[in-house]
Amino acid sequence: ALQACGRAGVRPGSGQPSSLARAMALSQGLQVAAGQAQPVAPTRGSCLFLHEWEAARAQVHAVRRKCAESTLYRFQLRAQSGLAAVEAWLAVLELRKKLQEVTAAATTRGIDELEARWRPVRLDAIDGEAATWLLAAERSHASALAETAARWGAAVPRGFEDLKGKYLALSESLAGETVAAVQAMDKAHEAAVQAWSGHSDRLEATAQAVAEERAPPDSWLSEVRYREQARGHVSNQILAEGLVAKGSATLAALEQERAQLWEAFVASYTGLSGGSGAAGHPGGVPLVEQPVPPVRPEAMDGQPSGAPAEVQGPLPVLPEMPSASGAVLQRTKVAMQASGGLFGLGGSTWREGATLVLTLHGYLHMFFLEASSKAPKASGPAGRPVTAEDEELVESAIKASVYVPLATRCVFLRKGKELTLDLAEAEAAEAPPPSKPGPLSRWMGRGGDAQPLPRRVQARVADAQVFQELEQRCHDFVRRGQGLRNAAASAAAAAAATAAAGTGQAAGRPE
């Protein structure tokens, strides 16, 4: 029932369609539904910059959203039309049944009334036999009408009620679950737009802070937040278009089933109409001899949106999201220090599966996802093992964060083969959003509010070369931070001197 449209993007270097691009091409039956929404030609498999991808995402959403809405509306109309047709066929059979029942009852009642009026004045010696024959013939006719009514009642082909229930279920699904999914897609799009706006503001603030030699905000963290919202929008779009495609397949199956039931209905209808002698036609051709027009569900194929042909075309496919490594100096898998034992009362232990990220501006974040730490080793593109760069990070998975230039503790310790690092800073005035409380804290009733994010990162690194590179970069950031502190102190002293000079001049001025 659906026509394939668009093409799947290909992850660079893999030769295989990416999961994101394959998912974005799921809804194969949607077409462009509005003339002002020009289709975007999927000429590239990926975008080089994130702002290009966001522009493509917004444009793809606008087109596919209109197509999904138009297609969903059309499917709802077709489901309503099919249900109305089934109900009309059943109503015709019920009407014929009631008509025969009413006629039979009226005939019987009329004969009884006629007999009641005729019998007192009738001379049976003369008209008795004739009257008996006539009344018996009329009663036989009434009985035949009742039998015909029973046959009309039994003429409903098997499967009509079941088909009616399926149409009702499809209509409820389209108007309920599918519409809700499209609305969720819209909300996710708005959330992604807001996240991108916040990320753009953070980028401007970062550029200004770097130009003024101040501590810049963490623009990479706002990028992580945006990526999470964008992936959520893509997932919601996949779900909505998948439900539309599912509704299309269900509708096509129901229409074919209805076409088959129409043939069974026509056979019953023409048979009873011919048998009852009511098969006439104004043109003089008996009904049973006329060609029966079929139900043609395929007549709507190729018109999924109902829009003019000149504004229909292939749907755009969202390209692959650019890599998140642009603002990342180093990213590696580490073991994080965590509480051990029952309820965390057994001292500290090392937990594998954490991800350590050092950003371009000196922010060190520790991420830990329970699902990824417990999941078995998987394969990435081209069959290679999954690395830290393949894991999608979310803001809620941050366990600790340190701004390295302002770190008051920067220790890299080597004990044989064990390589550990410990960085900490004083509580910053502007800290990243607090982390969510753990299950135990929520269970004990002390985790209702978000807890402050720890400003200390403790990790164990397995690779000596990675450990050495991380140590060198962190020490470079600490030395750079010393220069920032000196510059800030000089600026504060100059501001204080200027303020003092202004106060002195005001005090020496005569009244």
Protein backbone atom coordinates (compact mmCIF):
# COMPACT_ATOMS: atom_id res chain seq x y z
CA ALA A 1 0.00 0.00 0.00
CA LEU A 2 2.91 2.34 0.48
CA GLN A 3 5.45 3.62 -2.02
CA ALA A 4 9.11 3.68 -1.02
CA CYS A 5 10.47 7.21 -0.88
CA GLY A 6 13.70 8.87 0.22
CA ARG A 7 16.96 7.05 0.75
CA ALA A 8 18.78 5.86 3.84
CA GLY A 9 21.91 7.77 4.84
CA VAL A 10 25.20 5.91 5.17
CA ARG A 11 27.57 6.29 8.09
CA PRO A 12 30.88 7.51 6.64
CA GLY A 13 33.42 4.72 6.38
CA SER A 14 31.07 1.90 7.29
CA GLY A 15 29.38 1.15 3.98
CA GLN A 16 26.20 0.31 5.90
CA PRO A 17 23.10 2.47 6.43
CA SER A 18 23.22 4.05 9.88
CA SER A 19 20.54 3.20 12.39
CA LEU A 20 19.41 6.82 12.56
CA ALA A 21 19.09 7.13 8.79
CA ARG A 22 17.37 3.75 8.47
CA ALA A 23 14.90 4.73 11.14
CA MET A 24 14.22 8.11 9.55
CA ALA A 25 13.24 6.31 6.31
CA LEU A 26 10.73 4.08 8.12
CA SER A 27 7.59 5.87 7.00
CA GLN A 28 7.69 5.01 3.30
CA GLY A 29 4.18 6.06 2.42
CA LEU A 30 4.22 9.73 3.41
CA GLN A 31 4.34 12.37 0.68
CA VAL A 32 4.70 16.14 0.67
CA ALA A 33 1.30 17.51 1.67
CA ALA A 34 1.65 21.28 1.24
CA GLY A 35 2.96 23.36 -1.64
CA GLN A 36 4.98 25.71 0.58
CA ALA A 37 6.93 22.80 2.09
CA GLN A 38 9.56 22.11 -0.56
CA PRO A 39 11.20 18.69 -0.32
CA VAL A 40 14.84 18.65 0.76
CA ALA A 41 16.96 16.54 -1.55
CA PRO A 42 18.98 14.02 0.49
CA THR A 43 22.22 14.72 -1.37
CA ARG A 44 24.56 14.03 1.54
CA GLY A 45 24.82 11.22 4.04
CA SER A 46 26.06 13.47 6.85
CA CYS A 47 26.57 17.09 7.90
CA LEU A 48 29.95 18.55 8.80
CA PHE A 49 28.67 20.98 11.44
CA LEU A 50 26.00 20.67 14.08
CA HIS A 51 24.24 23.90 13.09
CA GLU A 52 23.82 22.50 9.57
CA TRP A 53 22.32 19.34 11.01
CA GLU A 54 19.93 21.32 13.22
CA ALA A 55 18.75 23.34 10.21
CA ALA A 56 18.24 20.09 8.29
CA ARG A 57 16.42 18.53 11.25
CA ALA A 58 14.02 21.47 11.54
CA GLN A 59 13.35 21.46 7.80
CA VAL A 60 12.87 17.69 7.67
CA HIS A 61 10.51 17.90 10.64
CA ALA A 62 8.41 20.59 8.95
CA VAL A 63 7.96 18.52 5.78
CA ARG A 64 7.46 15.14 7.39
CA ARG A 65 5.15 16.58 10.04
CA LYS A 66 2.82 17.99 7.38
CA CYS A 67 2.95 14.74 5.46
CA ALA A 68 2.22 12.69 8.57
CA GLU A 69 -0.73 14.91 9.47
CA SER A 70 -2.15 14.80 5.94
CA THR A 71 -1.66 11.04 5.63
CA LEU A 72 -3.17 10.41 9.04
CA TYR A 73 -6.19 12.56 8.16
CA ARG A 74 -6.67 10.64 4.92
CA PHE A 75 -6.41 7.29 6.70
CA GLN A 76 -8.99 8.43 9.22
CA LEU A 77 -11.35 9.36 6.39
CA ARG A 78 -10.83 6.01 4.70
CA ALA A 79 -11.40 4.12 7.94
CA GLN A 80 -14.59 6.09 8.57
CA SER A 81 -15.71 5.49 4.98
CA GLY A 82 -15.08 1.76 5.24
CA LEU A 83 -16.91 1.51 8.55
CA ALA A 84 -19.84 3.51 7.16
CA ALA A 85 -20.02 1.20 4.12
CA VAL A 86 -20.10 -1.93 6.28
CA GLU A 87 -22.80 -0.42 8.48
CA ALA A 88 -24.79 0.61 5.38
CA TRP A 89 -24.66 -2.93 3.97
CA LEU A 90 -25.86 -4.34 7.27
CA ALA A 91 -28.57 -1.66 7.41
CA VAL A 92 -29.86 -2.68 3.96
CA LEU A 93 -30.21 -6.30 5.03
CA GLU A 94 -31.91 -5.24 8.26
CA LEU A 95 -34.22 -2.92 6.32
CA ARG A 96 -35.26 -5.72 3.96
CA LYS A 97 -35.83 -8.01 6.92
CA LYS A 98 -38.00 -5.47 8.74
CA LEU A 99 -39.90 -4.66 5.55
CA GLN A 100 -40.81 -8.32 5.02
CA GLU A 101 -41.67 -8.75 8.71
CA VAL A 102 -43.93 -5.69 8.71
CA THR A 103 -45.57 -6.77 5.45
CA ALA A 104 -46.17 -10.30 6.75
CA ALA A 105 -47.62 -9.00 10.02
CA ALA A 106 -49.83 -6.48 8.21
CA THR A 107 -51.07 -9.15 5.78
CA THR A 108 -51.93 -11.55 8.60
CA ARG A 109 -53.69 -8.82 10.54
CA GLY A 110 -55.61 -7.68 7.47
CA ILE A 111 -56.76 -11.23 6.67
CA ASP A 112 -57.97 -11.72 10.23
CA GLU A 113 -59.92 -8.44 10.09
CA LEU A 114 -61.34 -9.36 6.68
CA GLU A 115 -62.42 -12.78 7.94
CA ALA A 116 -64.03 -11.16 10.98
CA ARG A 117 -66.12 -8.83 8.78
CA TRP A 118 -66.91 -11.35 6.04
CA ARG A 119 -67.81 -14.42 8.03
CA PRO A 120 -71.07 -13.10 9.67
CA VAL A 121 -72.65 -12.22 6.35
CA ARG A 122 -71.18 -14.99 4.20
CA LEU A 123 -73.31 -17.90 2.99
CA ASP A 124 -70.94 -20.83 3.16
CA ALA A 125 -73.16 -22.97 0.95
CA ILE A 126 -72.48 -20.54 -1.86
CA ASP A 127 -69.10 -18.92 -1.10
CA GLY A 128 -67.63 -21.11 1.64
CA GLU A 129 -65.18 -23.12 -0.46
CA ALA A 130 -64.08 -20.09 -2.50
CA ALA A 131 -63.58 -17.99 0.65
CA THR A 132 -61.57 -20.73 2.34
CA TRP A 133 -59.28 -21.04 -0.70
CA LEU A 134 -58.74 -17.28 -0.98
CA LEU A 135 -58.04 -16.77 2.72
CA ALA A 136 -55.69 -19.76 2.76
CA ALA A 137 -53.82 -18.34 -0.23
CA GLU A 138 -53.38 -14.99 1.52
CA ARG A 139 -52.24 -16.66 4.73
CA SER A 140 -49.78 -18.69 2.68
CA HIS A 141 -48.50 -15.44 1.16
CA ALA A 142 -48.08 -13.92 4.63
CA SER A 143 -46.22 -17.02 5.74
CA ALA A 144 -43.95 -16.74 2.69
CA LEU A 145 -43.25 -13.12 3.59
CA ALA A 146 -42.26 -14.17 7.13
CA GLU A 147 -39.98 -16.86 5.75
CA THR A 148 -38.39 -14.32 3.40
CA ALA A 149 -37.82 -11.98 6.36
CA ALA A 150 -36.04 -14.82 8.17
CA ARG A 151 -33.87 -15.43 5.11
CA TRP A 152 -32.96 -11.73 4.94
CA GLY A 153 -31.98 -11.90 8.60
CA ALA A 154 -29.74 -14.89 7.91
CA ALA A 155 -28.25 -13.35 4.77
CA VAL A 156 -25.49 -11.47 6.64
CA PRO A 157 -22.20 -13.04 5.45
CA ARG A 158 -19.89 -14.38 8.12
CA GLY A 159 -17.24 -11.88 9.19
CA PHE A 160 -19.27 -8.67 8.92
CA GLU A 161 -19.40 -7.99 12.66
CA ASP A 162 -15.74 -8.89 13.04
CA LEU A 163 -14.80 -6.52 10.22
CA LYS A 164 -16.87 -3.77 11.79
CA GLY A 165 -15.01 -4.25 15.07
CA LYS A 166 -11.66 -4.05 13.27
CA TYR A 167 -12.62 -0.78 11.61
CA LEU A 168 -13.71 0.64 14.96
CA ALA A 169 -10.41 -0.43 16.55
CA LEU A 170 -8.43 1.14 13.70
CA SER A 171 -10.36 4.41 13.96
CA GLU A 172 -9.78 4.55 17.70
CA SER A 173 -6.08 3.79 17.24
CA LEU A 174 -5.62 6.50 14.61
CA ALA A 175 -7.53 9.09 16.63
CA GLY A 176 -5.89 8.09 19.92
CA GLU A 177 -2.45 6.50 19.92
CA THR A 178 -1.28 7.82 16.54
CA VAL A 179 -2.47 11.38 17.11
CA ALA A 180 -0.85 11.35 20.56
CA ALA A 181 2.42 10.18 18.97
CA VAL A 182 2.32 13.05 16.47
CA GLN A 183 1.68 15.50 19.30
CA ALA A 184 4.59 14.02 21.25
CA MET A 185 6.76 14.49 18.16
CA ASP A 186 5.78 18.18 18.10
CA LYS A 187 6.64 18.61 21.79
CA ALA A 188 9.98 16.88 21.30
CA HIS A 189 10.72 19.18 18.36
CA GLU A 190 9.98 22.24 20.49
CA ALA A 191 12.24 20.89 23.24
CA ALA A 192 15.04 20.39 20.70
CA VAL A 193 14.56 23.93 19.36
CA GLN A 194 14.77 25.37 22.88
CA ALA A 195 17.84 23.28 23.66
CA TRP A 196 19.51 24.51 20.48
CA SER A 197 18.69 28.10 21.37
CA GLY A 198 20.27 27.62 24.78
CA HIS A 199 23.32 26.01 23.21
CA SER A 200 23.70 28.90 20.76
CA ASP A 201 23.55 31.40 23.63
CA ARG A 202 26.14 29.34 25.50
CA LEU A 203 28.43 29.35 22.46
CA GLU A 204 28.22 33.15 22.22
CA ALA A 205 28.94 33.49 25.93
CA THR A 206 31.89 31.13 25.58
CA ALA A 207 33.36 33.09 22.68
CA GLN A 208 32.98 36.36 24.61
CA ALA A 209 34.58 34.88 27.73
CA VAL A 210 37.55 33.56 25.75
CA ALA A 211 38.02 36.96 24.12
CA GLU A 212 37.95 38.64 27.55
CA GLU A 213 40.24 35.97 29.07
CA ARG A 214 37.60 34.88 31.57
CA ALA A 215 36.51 31.41 32.58
CA PRO A 216 34.13 30.32 29.80
CA PRO A 217 30.89 28.41 30.45
CA ASP A 218 30.74 24.77 29.46
CA SER A 219 29.35 24.94 25.94
CA TRP A 220 29.97 21.22 25.37
CA LEU A 221 27.54 20.33 28.15
CA SER A 222 24.82 22.39 26.49
CA GLU A 223 25.64 20.50 23.29
CA VAL A 224 25.12 17.21 25.15
CA ARG A 225 21.77 18.54 26.34
CA TYR A 226 20.79 19.50 22.80
CA ARG A 227 21.88 16.16 21.36
CA GLU A 228 19.78 14.34 23.92
CA GLN A 229 16.71 16.41 23.00
CA ALA A 230 17.39 16.00 19.26
CA ARG A 231 17.70 12.23 19.59
CA GLY A 232 14.45 12.25 21.57
CA HIS A 233 12.74 14.13 18.75
CA VAL A 234 14.06 11.67 16.16
CA SER A 235 12.83 8.76 18.28
CA ASN A 236 9.38 10.32 18.61
CA GLN A 237 9.28 10.98 14.88
CA ILE A 238 10.20 7.36 14.20
CA LEU A 239 7.43 6.21 16.54
CA ALA A 240 4.81 8.51 15.00
CA GLU A 241 5.67 7.58 11.42
CA GLY A 242 5.83 3.92 12.40
CA LEU A 243 2.30 4.10 13.79
CA VAL A 244 1.12 5.82 10.60
CA ALA A 245 2.75 3.08 8.52
CA LYS A 246 1.20 0.42 10.75
CA GLY A 247 -2.20 2.05 10.34
CA SER A 248 -1.69 2.09 6.57
CA ALA A 249 -0.92 -1.64 6.49
CA THR A 250 -3.92 -2.40 8.71
CA LEU A 251 -6.19 -0.24 6.58
CA ALA A 252 -5.03 -1.94 3.36
CA ALA A 253 -5.77 -5.37 4.83
CA LEU A 254 -9.22 -4.26 6.01
CA GLU A 255 -10.05 -2.78 2.62
CA GLN A 256 -9.14 -6.03 0.89
CA GLU A 257 -11.22 -7.98 3.37
CA ARG A 258 -14.13 -5.59 2.82
CA ALA A 259 -13.87 -6.05 -0.95
CA GLN A 260 -14.17 -9.82 -0.48
CA LEU A 261 -17.13 -9.45 1.87
CA TRP A 262 -18.80 -7.21 -0.71
CA GLU A 263 -18.80 -10.10 -3.15
CA ALA A 264 -20.40 -12.37 -0.54
CA PHE A 265 -22.92 -9.66 0.29
CA VAL A 266 -23.85 -9.18 -3.37
CA ALA A 267 -24.37 -12.92 -3.81
CA SER A 268 -26.79 -13.02 -0.87
CA TYR A 269 -28.53 -9.80 -1.85
CA THR A 270 -29.13 -10.67 -5.50
CA GLY A 271 -30.19 -14.20 -4.63
CA LEU A 272 -32.84 -13.05 -2.18
CA SER A 273 -33.95 -10.17 -4.38
CA GLY A 274 -34.44 -12.46 -7.37
CA GLY A 275 -36.22 -15.06 -5.27
CA SER A 276 -38.65 -12.53 -3.87
CA GLY A 277 -39.58 -11.14 -7.26
CA ALA A 278 -38.27 -7.65 -6.42
CA ALA A 279 -35.34 -7.67 -8.79
CA GLY A 280 -36.71 -5.14 -11.25
CA HIS A 281 -34.95 -2.09 -12.62
CA PRO A 282 -36.34 1.13 -14.15
CA GLY A 283 -34.54 0.26 -17.39
CA GLY A 284 -36.25 -3.09 -17.57
CA VAL A 285 -33.07 -5.12 -16.93
CA PRO A 286 -33.38 -7.54 -14.01
CA LEU A 287 -31.05 -6.82 -11.11
CA VAL A 288 -29.53 -10.29 -11.17
CA GLU A 289 -28.52 -9.81 -14.80
CA GLN A 290 -26.71 -6.48 -14.28
CA PRO A 291 -22.90 -6.43 -13.77
CA VAL A 292 -22.14 -5.80 -10.10
CA PRO A 293 -19.58 -3.02 -9.59
CA PRO A 294 -16.74 -4.07 -7.27
CA VAL A 295 -15.31 -2.23 -4.28
CA ARG A 296 -12.01 -0.71 -5.42
CA PRO A 297 -9.68 0.06 -2.48
CA GLU A 298 -6.77 0.37 -4.91
CA ALA A 299 -8.40 3.47 -6.43
CA MET A 300 -6.87 5.54 -3.59
CA ASP A 301 -3.36 4.13 -4.00
CA GLY A 302 -0.76 6.65 -5.10
CA GLN A 303 -2.70 9.50 -3.45
CA PRO A 304 -1.60 9.30 0.20
CA SER A 305 -1.94 13.00 0.90
CA GLY A 306 -4.77 14.04 -1.37
CA ALA A 307 -2.63 17.00 -2.46
CA PRO A 308 -2.15 17.99 -6.11
CA ALA A 309 0.43 15.92 -7.95
CA GLU A 310 2.72 18.90 -8.58
CA VAL A 311 3.43 19.37 -4.84
CA GLN A 312 4.04 15.70 -4.14
CA GLY A 313 7.54 14.28 -4.13
CA PRO A 314 10.05 12.17 -2.23
CA LEU A 315 10.42 12.92 1.44
CA PRO A 316 13.71 14.26 2.83
CA VAL A 317 15.82 11.93 4.94
CA LEU A 318 17.65 13.32 7.94
CA PRO A 319 21.42 12.93 7.52
CA GLU A 320 23.68 11.46 10.16
CA MET A 321 24.27 13.66 13.20
CA PRO A 322 27.82 15.09 13.22
CA SER A 323 30.33 13.74 15.68
CA ALA A 324 30.34 15.13 19.21
CA SER A 325 34.13 15.25 19.36
CA GLY A 326 34.55 18.79 18.05
CA ALA A 327 34.74 20.36 21.53
CA VAL A 328 36.32 17.32 23.22
CA LEU A 329 40.05 17.07 23.85
CA GLN A 330 39.97 13.59 25.30
CA ARG A 331 37.36 10.93 25.97
CA THR A 332 38.07 7.53 27.42
CA LYS A 333 36.56 4.66 29.35
CA VAL A 334 37.61 4.58 33.02
CA ALA A 335 36.63 3.06 36.35
CA MET A 336 34.97 5.46 38.77
CA GLN A 337 35.21 5.38 42.54
CA ALA A 338 31.90 4.49 44.15
CA SER A 339 30.53 3.30 47.45
CA GLY A 340 30.53 -0.46 47.90
CA GLY A 341 28.74 -2.94 50.11
CA LEU A 342 25.11 -3.03 51.19
CA PHE A 343 23.48 0.42 50.85
CA GLY A 344 26.93 1.88 50.11
CA LEU A 345 28.20 1.23 53.66
CA GLY A 346 31.09 -1.04 52.70
CA GLY A 347 33.71 1.56 51.81
CA SER A 348 34.75 2.62 48.32
CA THR A 349 35.34 0.45 45.29
CA TRP A 350 36.05 0.85 41.59
CA ARG A 351 33.22 0.48 39.10
CA GLU A 352 34.03 -0.13 35.47
CA GLY A 353 32.05 1.39 32.61
CA ALA A 354 32.38 5.12 33.33
CA THR A 355 33.28 7.64 30.64
CA LEU A 356 35.67 10.51 31.30
CA VAL A 357 35.43 13.57 29.04
CA LEU A 358 37.84 16.51 28.97
CA THR A 359 36.44 19.40 26.95
CA LEU A 360 38.24 22.04 24.93
CA HIS A 361 37.72 24.68 27.64
CA GLY A 362 38.93 22.54 30.51
CA TYR A 363 35.78 20.94 31.92
CA LEU A 364 36.25 17.36 33.13
CA HIS A 365 33.03 15.32 33.34
CA MET A 366 32.45 11.83 34.67
CA PHE A 367 29.55 9.96 33.03
CA PHE A 368 28.15 6.65 34.17
CA LEU A 369 25.17 4.80 32.70
CA GLU A 370 23.89 1.76 34.57
CA ALA A 371 22.53 0.17 31.38
CA SER A 372 25.79 0.52 29.44
CA SER A 373 27.90 -0.80 32.33
CA LYS A 374 25.81 -3.97 32.60
CA ALA A 375 25.29 -4.52 28.86
CA PRO A 376 27.42 -7.14 27.06
CA LYS A 377 30.14 -6.09 24.69
CA ALA A 378 28.63 -5.07 21.36
CA SER A 379 29.95 -4.42 17.89
CA GLY A 380 29.95 -1.04 16.24
CA PRO A 381 30.11 -0.09 12.57
CA ALA A 382 32.00 -2.53 10.35
CA GLY A 383 32.03 -5.07 13.18
CA ARG A 384 34.59 -3.23 15.33
CA PRO A 385 34.15 -3.20 19.13
CA VAL A 386 32.16 -0.37 20.66
CA THR A 387 34.41 2.37 22.04
CA ALA A 388 33.79 5.37 24.29
CA GLU A 389 33.12 7.53 21.22
CA ASP A 390 30.20 5.29 20.17
CA GLU A 391 28.25 5.79 23.39
CA GLU A 392 25.63 8.53 23.37
CA LEU A 393 26.02 10.59 26.54
CA VAL A 394 23.13 12.22 28.40
CA GLU A 395 23.26 15.03 30.90
CA SER A 396 21.50 13.02 33.61
CA ALA A 397 24.39 10.51 33.60
CA ILE A 398 26.96 13.03 34.89
CA LYS A 399 28.26 11.84 38.26
CA ALA A 400 30.93 14.49 38.88
CA SER A 401 32.30 17.59 37.18
CA VAL A 402 35.43 19.70 37.66
CA TYR A 403 36.56 22.90 35.96
CA VAL A 404 40.24 21.98 35.74
CA PRO A 405 41.69 25.54 35.48
CA LEU A 406 40.17 26.29 38.90
CA ALA A 407 41.02 22.92 40.43
CA THR A 408 42.57 23.09 43.90
CA ARG A 409 43.61 19.44 43.71
CA CYS A 410 45.20 17.79 40.67
CA VAL A 411 46.86 14.48 41.54
CA PHE A 412 47.90 11.78 39.08
CA LEU A 413 49.16 8.73 40.95
CA ARG A 414 51.01 5.67 39.62
CA LYS A 415 51.16 2.57 41.83
CA GLY A 416 52.64 -0.16 39.73
CA LYS A 417 50.10 -0.84 37.00
CA GLU A 418 47.33 1.07 38.78
CA LEU A 419 46.88 4.56 37.34
CA THR A 420 44.52 6.86 39.25
CA LEU A 421 43.64 10.52 39.09
CA ASP A 422 42.02 12.82 41.63
CA LEU A 423 40.89 16.32 40.68
CA ALA A 424 38.77 18.63 42.82
CA GLU A 425 37.84 22.27 43.02
CA ALA A 426 36.22 24.54 45.55
CA GLU A 427 32.45 24.85 45.26
CA ALA A 428 31.80 27.08 42.27
CA ALA A 429 29.20 29.81 42.34
CA GLU A 430 27.81 28.68 39.00
CA ALA A 431 27.75 24.88 39.05
CA PRO A 432 26.23 22.60 36.40
CA PRO A 433 22.69 21.34 37.05
CA PRO A 434 22.48 19.02 40.06
CA SER A 435 22.25 15.29 39.53
CA LYS A 436 19.17 13.26 40.26
CA PRO A 437 19.02 11.33 43.55
CA GLY A 438 19.71 7.62 43.55
CA PRO A 439 17.10 4.90 44.23
CA LEU A 440 18.20 4.45 47.84
CA SER A 441 17.99 8.17 48.58
CA ARG A 442 14.52 8.36 47.06
CA TRP A 443 13.46 5.24 48.99
CA MET A 444 14.71 6.69 52.29
CA GLY A 445 12.83 9.93 51.62
CA ARG A 446 15.89 12.17 51.56
CA GLY A 447 16.22 12.35 47.78
CA GLY A 448 13.12 14.25 46.82
CA ASP A 449 15.16 17.26 45.73
CA ALA A 450 18.08 17.24 43.31
CA GLN A 451 21.46 16.97 45.01
CA PRO A 452 24.44 19.21 44.17
CA LEU A 453 26.78 17.74 41.59
CA PRO A 454 30.09 16.62 43.16
CA ARG A 455 33.05 18.84 42.23
CA ARG A 456 35.56 16.03 42.55
CA VAL A 457 36.53 13.43 39.94
CA GLN A 458 38.29 10.23 40.97
CA ALA A 459 39.00 7.67 38.28
CA ARG A 460 41.24 4.76 37.37
CA VAL A 461 42.68 4.61 33.86
CA ALA A 462 43.83 1.38 32.23
CA ASP A 463 45.91 2.80 29.36
CA ALA A 464 49.24 4.35 30.39
CA GLN A 465 49.50 6.51 27.27
CA VAL A 466 45.98 7.87 27.72
CA PHE A 467 46.79 8.52 31.37
CA GLN A 468 49.94 10.46 30.46
CA GLU A 469 48.11 12.59 27.87
CA LEU A 470 45.34 13.34 30.34
CA GLU A 471 47.87 14.30 33.02
CA GLN A 472 49.71 16.67 30.71
CA ARG A 473 46.52 18.38 29.55
CA CYS A 474 45.12 18.78 33.04
CA HIS A 475 48.37 20.32 34.31
CA ASP A 476 48.32 22.69 31.34
CA PHE A 477 44.79 23.75 32.28
CA VAL A 478 45.83 24.26 35.91
CA ARG A 479 48.68 26.53 34.83
CA ARG A 480 46.30 28.40 32.53
CA GLY A 481 43.90 28.77 35.42
CA GLN A 482 46.62 30.36 37.51
CA GLY A 483 46.94 33.02 34.84
CA LEU A 484 43.16 33.51 34.85
CA ARG A 485 43.18 33.93 38.63
CA ASN A 486 46.02 36.45 38.44
CA ALA A 487 44.20 38.39 35.74
CA ALA A 488 40.99 38.33 37.76
CA ALA A 489 42.83 39.53 40.86
CA SER A 490 44.46 42.34 38.91
CA ALA A 491 41.12 43.37 37.45
CA ALA A 492 39.52 43.33 40.90
CA ALA A 493 42.35 45.42 42.35
CA ALA A 494 42.07 47.92 39.52
CA ALA A 495 38.32 48.16 40.01
CA ALA A 496 38.77 48.69 43.74
CA ALA A 497 41.36 51.40 43.13
CA THR A 498 39.10 53.15 40.66
CA ALA A 499 36.21 53.01 43.12
CA ALA A 500 38.40 54.37 45.92
CA ALA A 501 39.64 57.22 43.74
CA GLY A 502 36.10 58.14 42.82
CA THR A 503 35.07 58.16 46.48
CA GLY A 504 38.02 60.41 47.41
CA GLN A 505 37.20 62.94 44.72
CA ALA A 506 33.60 63.08 45.85
CA ALA A 507 34.68 63.68 49.46
CA GLY A 508 37.06 66.57 48.55
CA ARG A 509 34.56 68.44 46.36
CA PRO A 510 33.17 71.65 48.13
CA GLU A 511 29.45 71.81 48.77
